[in-house]
Amino acid sequence: MNKIGSMILTSIAVLCTPSTHAYLQADLDKVLAHENCIDGDLTNAPLDGVDLSALNLRGTDFNNASMIGANLSGSILQNTNLSTANLSNALLGGASCGNATAISTNFNGAQFDGSSWAYTNFTGATFINSTGGPASMPGADLTNANFTGATGVTFNAETYFNTTMPDGYVCSSAECAQQHTTP
């Protein structure tokens, strides 16, 4: 094999190697010490049950992080990436989460009391048996989101295509969603 052929095969091997991207240890150390972490990288971070309350986590990447039962009450999560993260049973009361990305995120059993999620993309997210008390989602995209059994969530989203409402009814319009919410 000539030198060019060998370089091409090496390049292909590098491109096909699975990603091992993980959190930055310095960012994980910050949040575990209960310090603010702005624009951090906590991709794939193990944060189950961690107290992250009242922290400024603006712009941080939590993609695929495990945050089961984490306390994010009163935290600033604006412009964060929560896609594919597991926030089941998380405490999110009073959190400010505008413009977040939460595609296919698991919020099952989470408590949203008084949190704000303006213009957040919740495409494919699940909120089964979550509680609101109320949570506000103005301008949010709830395409394919599932709210079965959820209570207290204020539905004033931008997009409702194929959204499963708390009573199990599937809506694709704001008018439908208003008829099938059970606060």
N, C-alpha and C. Protein backbone atom coordinates (compact mmCIF):
# COMPACT_ATOMS: atom_id res chain seq x y z
N MET A 1 0.86 -1.16 0.00
CA MET A 1 0.00 0.00 0.00
C MET A 1 0.91 1.23 0.00
N ASN A 2 0.53 2.21 -0.80
CA ASN A 2 1.34 3.42 -0.86
C ASN A 2 1.01 4.35 0.30
N LYS A 3 1.79 5.41 0.42
CA LYS A 3 1.68 6.34 1.55
C LYS A 3 0.33 7.04 1.57
N ILE A 4 -0.21 7.42 0.41
CA ILE A 4 -1.50 8.11 0.35
C ILE A 4 -2.62 7.17 0.79
N GLY A 5 -2.59 5.92 0.33
CA GLY A 5 -3.60 4.94 0.73
C GLY A 5 -3.59 4.71 2.23
N SER A 6 -2.40 4.65 2.82
CA SER A 6 -2.28 4.45 4.26
C SER A 6 -2.85 5.65 5.02
N MET A 7 -2.59 6.87 4.54
CA MET A 7 -3.13 8.08 5.19
C MET A 7 -4.65 8.10 5.12
N ILE A 8 -5.22 7.68 4.00
CA ILE A 8 -6.68 7.65 3.84
C ILE A 8 -7.28 6.66 4.83
N LEU A 9 -6.70 5.45 4.93
CA LEU A 9 -7.23 4.45 5.87
C LEU A 9 -7.12 4.94 7.31
N THR A 10 -6.04 5.61 7.65
CA THR A 10 -5.89 6.16 9.00
C THR A 10 -6.96 7.21 9.27
N SER A 11 -7.22 8.08 8.30
CA SER A 11 -8.24 9.11 8.45
C SER A 11 -9.61 8.50 8.63
N ILE A 12 -9.92 7.47 7.87
CA ILE A 12 -11.22 6.79 7.99
C ILE A 12 -11.36 6.16 9.37
N ALA A 13 -10.31 5.54 9.86
CA ALA A 13 -10.35 4.90 11.18
C ALA A 13 -10.61 5.93 12.27
N VAL A 14 -9.99 7.10 12.17
CA VAL A 14 -10.21 8.15 13.16
C VAL A 14 -11.64 8.65 13.10
N LEU A 15 -12.18 8.84 11.89
CA LEU A 15 -13.55 9.32 11.74
C LEU A 15 -14.57 8.31 12.24
N CYS A 16 -14.28 7.03 12.19
CA CYS A 16 -15.24 6.00 12.56
C CYS A 16 -15.11 5.55 14.01
N THR A 17 -14.14 6.07 14.73
CA THR A 17 -13.97 5.71 16.13
C THR A 17 -15.09 6.34 16.95
N PRO A 18 -15.78 5.57 17.81
CA PRO A 18 -16.86 6.14 18.62
C PRO A 18 -16.35 7.28 19.48
N SER A 19 -17.22 8.27 19.71
CA SER A 19 -16.85 9.42 20.52
C SER A 19 -16.70 9.02 21.97
N THR A 20 -15.66 9.49 22.58
CA THR A 20 -15.45 9.25 24.01
C THR A 20 -15.53 10.56 24.77
N HIS A 21 -16.20 11.55 24.15
CA HIS A 21 -16.31 12.87 24.76
C HIS A 21 -16.95 12.77 26.14
N ALA A 22 -16.31 13.34 27.10
CA ALA A 22 -16.86 13.32 28.45
C ALA A 22 -16.68 14.70 29.08
N TYR A 23 -17.24 14.87 30.23
CA TYR A 23 -17.19 16.13 30.95
C TYR A 23 -15.75 16.56 31.24
N LEU A 24 -15.59 17.85 31.45
CA LEU A 24 -14.30 18.36 31.90
C LEU A 24 -14.24 18.19 33.42
N GLN A 25 -13.22 17.57 33.91
CA GLN A 25 -13.10 17.30 35.34
C GLN A 25 -13.15 18.59 36.15
N ALA A 26 -12.55 19.66 35.63
CA ALA A 26 -12.55 20.94 36.36
C ALA A 26 -13.98 21.46 36.53
N ASP A 27 -14.83 21.30 35.49
CA ASP A 27 -16.22 21.74 35.59
C ASP A 27 -17.00 20.87 36.57
N LEU A 28 -16.75 19.56 36.55
CA LEU A 28 -17.41 18.67 37.50
C LEU A 28 -16.99 19.03 38.93
N ASP A 29 -15.72 19.30 39.13
CA ASP A 29 -15.24 19.67 40.46
C ASP A 29 -15.92 20.95 40.95
N LYS A 30 -16.15 21.91 40.04
CA LYS A 30 -16.82 23.17 40.41
C LYS A 30 -18.21 22.90 40.96
N VAL A 31 -19.02 22.15 40.20
CA VAL A 31 -20.40 21.95 40.63
C VAL A 31 -20.49 21.06 41.85
N LEU A 32 -19.58 20.11 41.99
CA LEU A 32 -19.59 19.27 43.18
C LEU A 32 -19.19 20.07 44.42
N ALA A 33 -18.43 21.16 44.22
CA ALA A 33 -18.06 22.05 45.32
C ALA A 33 -19.11 23.16 45.48
N HIS A 34 -20.23 23.05 44.77
CA HIS A 34 -21.33 23.99 44.78
C HIS A 34 -20.89 25.39 44.34
N GLU A 35 -20.13 25.43 43.23
CA GLU A 35 -19.69 26.69 42.64
C GLU A 35 -20.35 26.87 41.28
N ASN A 36 -20.54 28.12 40.87
CA ASN A 36 -21.11 28.42 39.56
C ASN A 36 -20.24 27.82 38.47
N CYS A 37 -20.88 27.48 37.35
CA CYS A 37 -20.18 26.88 36.22
C CYS A 37 -20.83 27.40 34.94
N ILE A 38 -20.36 28.54 34.45
CA ILE A 38 -20.92 29.17 33.25
C ILE A 38 -20.19 28.65 32.02
N ASP A 39 -20.98 28.26 31.00
CA ASP A 39 -20.44 27.72 29.74
C ASP A 39 -19.56 26.50 29.97
N GLY A 40 -19.90 25.69 30.94
CA GLY A 40 -19.11 24.50 31.25
C GLY A 40 -19.44 23.33 30.35
N ASP A 41 -18.67 22.28 30.48
CA ASP A 41 -18.89 21.04 29.73
C ASP A 41 -19.08 19.91 30.73
N LEU A 42 -20.36 19.52 30.91
CA LEU A 42 -20.69 18.41 31.79
C LEU A 42 -21.37 17.29 31.01
N THR A 43 -20.96 17.13 29.76
CA THR A 43 -21.46 16.06 28.91
C THR A 43 -21.19 14.72 29.58
N ASN A 44 -22.21 13.88 29.69
CA ASN A 44 -22.11 12.54 30.28
C ASN A 44 -21.75 12.56 31.77
N ALA A 45 -21.88 13.69 32.44
CA ALA A 45 -21.47 13.79 33.84
C ALA A 45 -22.39 13.00 34.77
N PRO A 46 -21.82 12.36 35.79
CA PRO A 46 -22.62 11.63 36.79
C PRO A 46 -23.03 12.57 37.92
N LEU A 47 -24.26 13.09 37.86
CA LEU A 47 -24.72 14.08 38.84
C LEU A 47 -25.98 13.61 39.58
N ASP A 48 -26.19 12.33 39.69
CA ASP A 48 -27.36 11.80 40.39
C ASP A 48 -27.36 12.26 41.85
N GLY A 49 -28.50 12.88 42.25
CA GLY A 49 -28.68 13.29 43.64
C GLY A 49 -27.83 14.46 44.09
N VAL A 50 -27.13 15.12 43.18
CA VAL A 50 -26.22 16.22 43.54
C VAL A 50 -27.02 17.51 43.77
N ASP A 51 -26.62 18.28 44.78
CA ASP A 51 -27.26 19.57 45.06
C ASP A 51 -26.62 20.64 44.18
N LEU A 52 -27.38 21.09 43.18
CA LEU A 52 -26.93 22.14 42.27
C LEU A 52 -27.83 23.37 42.43
N SER A 53 -28.50 23.46 43.57
CA SER A 53 -29.46 24.54 43.79
C SER A 53 -28.79 25.90 43.80
N ALA A 54 -29.51 26.89 43.26
CA ALA A 54 -29.11 28.30 43.26
C ALA A 54 -27.76 28.56 42.59
N LEU A 55 -27.36 27.71 41.66
CA LEU A 55 -26.11 27.93 40.93
C LEU A 55 -26.38 28.59 39.59
N ASN A 56 -25.40 29.34 39.09
CA ASN A 56 -25.47 29.88 37.75
C ASN A 56 -24.77 28.89 36.83
N LEU A 57 -25.57 28.16 36.04
CA LEU A 57 -25.05 27.13 35.14
C LEU A 57 -25.33 27.51 33.68
N ARG A 58 -25.52 28.79 33.45
CA ARG A 58 -25.87 29.32 32.13
C ARG A 58 -24.90 28.81 31.06
N GLY A 59 -25.49 28.32 29.96
CA GLY A 59 -24.70 27.92 28.80
C GLY A 59 -23.94 26.61 28.96
N THR A 60 -24.14 25.90 30.05
CA THR A 60 -23.40 24.66 30.28
C THR A 60 -24.00 23.51 29.47
N ASP A 61 -23.16 22.63 28.99
CA ASP A 61 -23.58 21.47 28.21
C ASP A 61 -23.73 20.27 29.14
N PHE A 62 -24.99 19.85 29.34
CA PHE A 62 -25.32 18.68 30.16
C PHE A 62 -25.77 17.52 29.27
N ASN A 63 -25.42 17.54 27.99
CA ASN A 63 -25.86 16.50 27.07
C ASN A 63 -25.57 15.12 27.65
N ASN A 64 -26.61 14.30 27.72
CA ASN A 64 -26.53 12.92 28.17
C ASN A 64 -26.05 12.76 29.63
N ALA A 65 -26.13 13.82 30.41
CA ALA A 65 -25.73 13.72 31.83
C ALA A 65 -26.80 12.96 32.61
N SER A 66 -26.39 12.27 33.65
CA SER A 66 -27.32 11.59 34.54
C SER A 66 -27.50 12.45 35.78
N MET A 67 -28.72 13.00 35.92
CA MET A 67 -29.02 13.94 37.00
C MET A 67 -30.26 13.48 37.78
N ILE A 68 -30.40 12.18 37.95
CA ILE A 68 -31.56 11.61 38.62
C ILE A 68 -31.62 12.13 40.05
N GLY A 69 -32.75 12.76 40.40
CA GLY A 69 -32.94 13.27 41.75
C GLY A 69 -32.07 14.46 42.12
N ALA A 70 -31.42 15.08 41.14
CA ALA A 70 -30.58 16.26 41.42
C ALA A 70 -31.46 17.43 41.84
N ASN A 71 -30.91 18.31 42.67
CA ASN A 71 -31.63 19.50 43.10
C ASN A 71 -31.10 20.70 42.32
N LEU A 72 -31.92 21.20 41.38
CA LEU A 72 -31.57 22.37 40.58
C LEU A 72 -32.47 23.55 40.92
N SER A 73 -33.10 23.51 42.08
CA SER A 73 -34.02 24.56 42.50
C SER A 73 -33.32 25.91 42.52
N GLY A 74 -33.96 26.91 41.90
CA GLY A 74 -33.44 28.26 41.89
C GLY A 74 -32.21 28.48 41.04
N SER A 75 -31.80 27.49 40.29
CA SER A 75 -30.60 27.62 39.45
C SER A 75 -30.91 28.35 38.15
N ILE A 76 -29.88 28.91 37.56
CA ILE A 76 -29.99 29.54 36.23
C ILE A 76 -29.46 28.55 35.21
N LEU A 77 -30.38 28.09 34.36
CA LEU A 77 -30.04 27.10 33.34
C LEU A 77 -30.32 27.65 31.94
N GLN A 78 -30.29 28.94 31.79
CA GLN A 78 -30.58 29.55 30.49
C GLN A 78 -29.51 29.14 29.48
N ASN A 79 -29.98 28.88 28.25
CA ASN A 79 -29.11 28.52 27.13
C ASN A 79 -28.29 27.26 27.37
N THR A 80 -28.78 26.37 28.23
CA THR A 80 -28.05 25.12 28.48
C THR A 80 -28.51 24.05 27.50
N ASN A 81 -27.69 23.03 27.35
CA ASN A 81 -28.04 21.87 26.54
C ASN A 81 -28.30 20.71 27.50
N LEU A 82 -29.57 20.32 27.60
CA LEU A 82 -29.98 19.20 28.46
C LEU A 82 -30.41 17.99 27.62
N SER A 83 -30.10 18.00 26.33
CA SER A 83 -30.56 16.94 25.44
C SER A 83 -30.09 15.57 25.91
N THR A 84 -31.00 14.63 25.87
CA THR A 84 -30.83 13.23 26.26
C THR A 84 -30.36 13.05 27.71
N ALA A 85 -30.41 14.11 28.51
CA ALA A 85 -30.05 13.99 29.92
C ALA A 85 -31.19 13.30 30.67
N ASN A 86 -30.88 12.69 31.79
CA ASN A 86 -31.88 12.04 32.62
C ASN A 86 -32.07 12.88 33.89
N LEU A 87 -33.17 13.64 33.91
CA LEU A 87 -33.51 14.47 35.06
C LEU A 87 -34.74 13.92 35.78
N SER A 88 -34.94 12.61 35.74
CA SER A 88 -36.10 12.04 36.41
C SER A 88 -36.00 12.32 37.92
N ASN A 89 -37.14 12.70 38.47
CA ASN A 89 -37.27 13.03 39.90
C ASN A 89 -36.39 14.20 40.34
N ALA A 90 -35.94 15.01 39.40
CA ALA A 90 -35.13 16.19 39.75
C ALA A 90 -36.02 17.29 40.33
N LEU A 91 -35.43 18.12 41.17
CA LEU A 91 -36.12 19.28 41.74
C LEU A 91 -35.71 20.50 40.94
N LEU A 92 -36.70 21.12 40.26
CA LEU A 92 -36.42 22.25 39.37
C LEU A 92 -37.18 23.50 39.78
N GLY A 93 -37.72 23.53 40.99
CA GLY A 93 -38.53 24.64 41.44
C GLY A 93 -37.80 25.97 41.38
N GLY A 94 -38.44 26.96 40.74
CA GLY A 94 -37.87 28.29 40.65
C GLY A 94 -36.68 28.43 39.72
N ALA A 95 -36.35 27.39 38.99
CA ALA A 95 -35.21 27.46 38.06
C ALA A 95 -35.57 28.33 36.86
N SER A 96 -34.59 29.06 36.37
CA SER A 96 -34.76 29.92 35.19
C SER A 96 -34.04 29.24 34.03
N CYS A 97 -34.84 28.71 33.10
CA CYS A 97 -34.29 27.82 32.08
C CYS A 97 -34.59 28.25 30.65
N GLY A 98 -34.77 29.53 30.41
CA GLY A 98 -35.14 30.00 29.09
C GLY A 98 -34.11 29.66 28.02
N ASN A 99 -34.62 29.40 26.81
CA ASN A 99 -33.80 29.10 25.63
C ASN A 99 -32.93 27.87 25.79
N ALA A 100 -33.33 26.95 26.64
CA ALA A 100 -32.57 25.70 26.79
C ALA A 100 -32.92 24.76 25.65
N THR A 101 -32.09 23.76 25.46
CA THR A 101 -32.37 22.69 24.51
C THR A 101 -32.51 21.42 25.33
N ALA A 102 -33.68 20.79 25.24
CA ALA A 102 -33.96 19.60 26.04
C ALA A 102 -34.59 18.53 25.16
N ILE A 103 -33.95 18.21 24.06
CA ILE A 103 -34.46 17.24 23.10
C ILE A 103 -34.30 15.84 23.68
N SER A 104 -35.39 15.09 23.71
CA SER A 104 -35.41 13.70 24.21
C SER A 104 -34.92 13.59 25.65
N THR A 105 -35.15 14.61 26.45
CA THR A 105 -34.74 14.61 27.85
C THR A 105 -35.79 13.90 28.70
N ASN A 106 -35.36 13.17 29.71
CA ASN A 106 -36.25 12.46 30.62
C ASN A 106 -36.48 13.33 31.86
N PHE A 107 -37.71 13.89 31.95
CA PHE A 107 -38.12 14.68 33.11
C PHE A 107 -39.17 13.92 33.93
N ASN A 108 -39.29 12.62 33.77
CA ASN A 108 -40.32 11.85 34.45
C ASN A 108 -40.22 12.01 35.96
N GLY A 109 -41.33 12.42 36.57
CA GLY A 109 -41.39 12.59 38.01
C GLY A 109 -40.71 13.84 38.54
N ALA A 110 -40.19 14.68 37.65
CA ALA A 110 -39.51 15.91 38.09
C ALA A 110 -40.52 16.91 38.65
N GLN A 111 -40.05 17.77 39.52
CA GLN A 111 -40.88 18.81 40.13
C GLN A 111 -40.44 20.16 39.56
N PHE A 112 -41.38 20.82 38.84
CA PHE A 112 -41.10 22.06 38.13
C PHE A 112 -41.63 23.30 38.83
N ASP A 113 -42.04 23.21 40.07
CA ASP A 113 -42.73 24.29 40.78
C ASP A 113 -42.12 25.66 40.53
N GLY A 114 -42.88 26.51 39.81
CA GLY A 114 -42.48 27.90 39.59
C GLY A 114 -41.29 28.10 38.66
N SER A 115 -40.90 27.08 37.92
CA SER A 115 -39.78 27.26 36.99
C SER A 115 -40.25 27.85 35.68
N SER A 116 -39.33 28.45 34.95
CA SER A 116 -39.65 29.09 33.68
C SER A 116 -38.79 28.49 32.57
N TRP A 117 -39.45 28.09 31.47
CA TRP A 117 -38.78 27.41 30.35
C TRP A 117 -39.13 28.10 29.03
N ALA A 118 -39.10 29.42 29.00
CA ALA A 118 -39.48 30.17 27.80
C ALA A 118 -38.59 29.78 26.61
N TYR A 119 -39.25 29.52 25.49
CA TYR A 119 -38.60 29.23 24.21
C TYR A 119 -37.62 28.06 24.25
N THR A 120 -37.93 27.09 25.07
CA THR A 120 -37.10 25.88 25.16
C THR A 120 -37.58 24.85 24.16
N ASN A 121 -36.64 24.11 23.58
CA ASN A 121 -36.97 23.04 22.65
C ASN A 121 -37.06 21.73 23.43
N PHE A 122 -38.31 21.26 23.64
CA PHE A 122 -38.57 20.01 24.36
C PHE A 122 -38.95 18.87 23.41
N THR A 123 -38.54 18.93 22.16
CA THR A 123 -38.92 17.91 21.18
C THR A 123 -38.59 16.51 21.73
N GLY A 124 -39.61 15.67 21.82
CA GLY A 124 -39.42 14.29 22.26
C GLY A 124 -39.15 14.09 23.74
N ALA A 125 -39.24 15.15 24.54
CA ALA A 125 -38.99 15.02 25.98
C ALA A 125 -40.17 14.33 26.67
N THR A 126 -39.91 13.65 27.78
CA THR A 126 -40.96 13.00 28.54
C THR A 126 -41.08 13.64 29.92
N PHE A 127 -42.34 13.88 30.32
CA PHE A 127 -42.67 14.54 31.58
C PHE A 127 -43.68 13.68 32.35
N ILE A 128 -43.64 12.38 32.18
CA ILE A 128 -44.62 11.49 32.77
C ILE A 128 -44.61 11.65 34.30
N ASN A 129 -45.81 11.93 34.84
CA ASN A 129 -46.03 12.10 36.29
C ASN A 129 -45.19 13.22 36.91
N SER A 130 -44.80 14.19 36.12
CA SER A 130 -44.10 15.35 36.67
C SER A 130 -45.12 16.32 37.26
N THR A 131 -44.66 17.23 38.11
CA THR A 131 -45.56 18.21 38.73
C THR A 131 -45.06 19.61 38.43
N GLY A 132 -46.02 20.55 38.32
CA GLY A 132 -45.67 21.91 37.93
C GLY A 132 -45.79 22.92 39.02
N GLY A 133 -46.93 23.29 39.37
CA GLY A 133 -47.24 24.13 40.51
C GLY A 133 -47.15 25.64 40.42
N PRO A 134 -47.29 26.40 39.34
CA PRO A 134 -47.20 26.00 37.93
C PRO A 134 -45.81 26.26 37.36
N ALA A 135 -45.50 25.57 36.29
CA ALA A 135 -44.29 25.84 35.50
C ALA A 135 -44.77 26.53 34.24
N SER A 136 -43.97 27.42 33.72
CA SER A 136 -44.36 28.18 32.54
C SER A 136 -43.46 27.82 31.36
N MET A 137 -44.07 27.62 30.19
CA MET A 137 -43.33 27.23 29.00
C MET A 137 -43.72 28.06 27.79
N PRO A 138 -43.76 29.40 27.90
CA PRO A 138 -44.18 30.20 26.75
C PRO A 138 -43.21 30.08 25.58
N GLY A 139 -43.77 29.89 24.39
CA GLY A 139 -42.95 29.81 23.19
C GLY A 139 -42.17 28.52 23.04
N ALA A 140 -42.39 27.54 23.91
CA ALA A 140 -41.63 26.28 23.86
C ALA A 140 -42.10 25.41 22.70
N ASP A 141 -41.23 24.51 22.27
CA ASP A 141 -41.57 23.52 21.25
C ASP A 141 -41.79 22.19 21.97
N LEU A 142 -43.04 21.73 21.99
CA LEU A 142 -43.40 20.48 22.67
C LEU A 142 -43.69 19.36 21.68
N THR A 143 -43.13 19.43 20.49
CA THR A 143 -43.34 18.41 19.47
C THR A 143 -42.94 17.04 20.02
N ASN A 144 -43.86 16.09 19.95
CA ASN A 144 -43.65 14.71 20.41
C ASN A 144 -43.32 14.60 21.90
N ALA A 145 -43.60 15.63 22.68
CA ALA A 145 -43.39 15.54 24.13
C ALA A 145 -44.53 14.75 24.77
N ASN A 146 -44.26 14.12 25.91
CA ASN A 146 -45.26 13.30 26.58
C ASN A 146 -45.44 13.78 28.02
N PHE A 147 -46.65 14.30 28.30
CA PHE A 147 -47.01 14.83 29.62
C PHE A 147 -48.01 13.92 30.34
N THR A 148 -48.09 12.65 30.00
CA THR A 148 -49.06 11.76 30.61
C THR A 148 -48.92 11.79 32.14
N GLY A 149 -50.01 12.09 32.82
CA GLY A 149 -50.03 12.11 34.28
C GLY A 149 -49.41 13.34 34.91
N ALA A 150 -48.94 14.29 34.11
CA ALA A 150 -48.33 15.52 34.66
C ALA A 150 -49.41 16.41 35.25
N THR A 151 -49.06 17.17 36.27
CA THR A 151 -50.01 18.11 36.88
C THR A 151 -49.37 19.47 37.08
N GLY A 152 -50.18 20.53 36.92
CA GLY A 152 -49.75 21.88 37.24
C GLY A 152 -48.87 22.58 36.23
N VAL A 153 -48.69 22.02 35.04
CA VAL A 153 -47.85 22.66 34.03
C VAL A 153 -48.71 23.61 33.21
N THR A 154 -48.26 24.85 33.03
CA THR A 154 -48.99 25.83 32.22
C THR A 154 -48.58 25.66 30.77
N PHE A 155 -49.55 25.26 29.94
CA PHE A 155 -49.25 25.01 28.53
C PHE A 155 -49.56 26.24 27.72
N ASN A 156 -48.55 26.99 27.38
CA ASN A 156 -48.70 28.13 26.48
C ASN A 156 -47.51 28.11 25.52
N ALA A 157 -47.29 26.95 24.96
CA ALA A 157 -46.13 26.71 24.10
C ALA A 157 -46.36 27.23 22.68
N GLU A 158 -45.31 27.19 21.91
CA GLU A 158 -45.34 27.62 20.52
C GLU A 158 -45.81 26.48 19.62
N THR A 159 -45.29 25.28 19.83
CA THR A 159 -45.55 24.14 18.95
C THR A 159 -46.03 22.95 19.75
N TYR A 160 -47.14 22.36 19.30
CA TYR A 160 -47.74 21.22 19.99
C TYR A 160 -47.85 19.99 19.10
N PHE A 161 -47.13 19.86 18.02
CA PHE A 161 -47.33 18.76 17.10
C PHE A 161 -47.12 17.42 17.81
N ASN A 162 -48.16 16.59 17.83
CA ASN A 162 -48.11 15.24 18.39
C ASN A 162 -47.72 15.23 19.87
N THR A 163 -48.20 16.21 20.64
CA THR A 163 -47.90 16.31 22.06
C THR A 163 -48.93 15.54 22.87
N THR A 164 -48.47 14.64 23.73
CA THR A 164 -49.38 13.87 24.59
C THR A 164 -49.63 14.67 25.86
N MET A 165 -50.90 15.04 26.07
CA MET A 165 -51.28 15.88 27.19
C MET A 165 -51.43 15.03 28.47
N PRO A 166 -51.59 15.67 29.64
CA PRO A 166 -51.67 14.92 30.90
C PRO A 166 -52.75 13.86 30.93
N ASP A 167 -53.88 14.10 30.23
CA ASP A 167 -54.95 13.11 30.25
C ASP A 167 -54.76 12.04 29.18
N GLY A 168 -53.60 12.04 28.50
CA GLY A 168 -53.31 11.03 27.49
C GLY A 168 -53.74 11.39 26.08
N TYR A 169 -54.47 12.50 25.92
CA TYR A 169 -54.94 12.91 24.61
C TYR A 169 -53.78 13.54 23.84
N VAL A 170 -53.67 13.23 22.54
CA VAL A 170 -52.60 13.77 21.71
C VAL A 170 -53.09 15.01 20.98
N CYS A 171 -52.37 16.13 21.14
CA CYS A 171 -52.75 17.41 20.54
C CYS A 171 -51.70 17.89 19.55
N SER A 172 -52.19 18.68 18.58
CA SER A 172 -51.29 19.32 17.62
C SER A 172 -51.61 20.79 17.47
N SER A 173 -52.31 21.37 18.44
CA SER A 173 -52.62 22.80 18.39
C SER A 173 -52.79 23.33 19.81
N ALA A 174 -52.63 24.65 19.92
CA ALA A 174 -52.79 25.29 21.23
C ALA A 174 -54.22 25.15 21.73
N GLU A 175 -55.20 25.24 20.81
CA GLU A 175 -56.61 25.12 21.21
C GLU A 175 -56.88 23.74 21.80
N CYS A 176 -56.35 22.72 21.17
CA CYS A 176 -56.52 21.36 21.67
C CYS A 176 -55.85 21.21 23.04
N ALA A 177 -54.64 21.73 23.15
CA ALA A 177 -53.89 21.59 24.39
C ALA A 177 -54.63 22.24 25.56
N GLN A 178 -55.24 23.40 25.33
CA GLN A 178 -55.98 24.07 26.39
C GLN A 178 -57.19 23.27 26.84
N GLN A 179 -57.77 22.48 25.94
CA GLN A 179 -58.93 21.67 26.29
C GLN A 179 -58.53 20.41 27.07
N HIS A 180 -57.28 20.01 26.98
CA HIS A 180 -56.87 18.74 27.58
C HIS A 180 -55.81 18.87 28.67
N THR A 181 -55.62 20.07 29.20
CA THR A 181 -54.69 20.21 30.32
C THR A 181 -55.44 19.98 31.62
N THR A 182 -54.78 19.38 32.53
CA THR A 182 -55.37 19.13 33.85
C THR A 182 -54.42 19.70 34.91
N PRO A 183 -54.59 20.99 35.22
CA PRO A 183 -53.65 21.63 36.14
C PRO A 183 -53.67 21.04 37.54
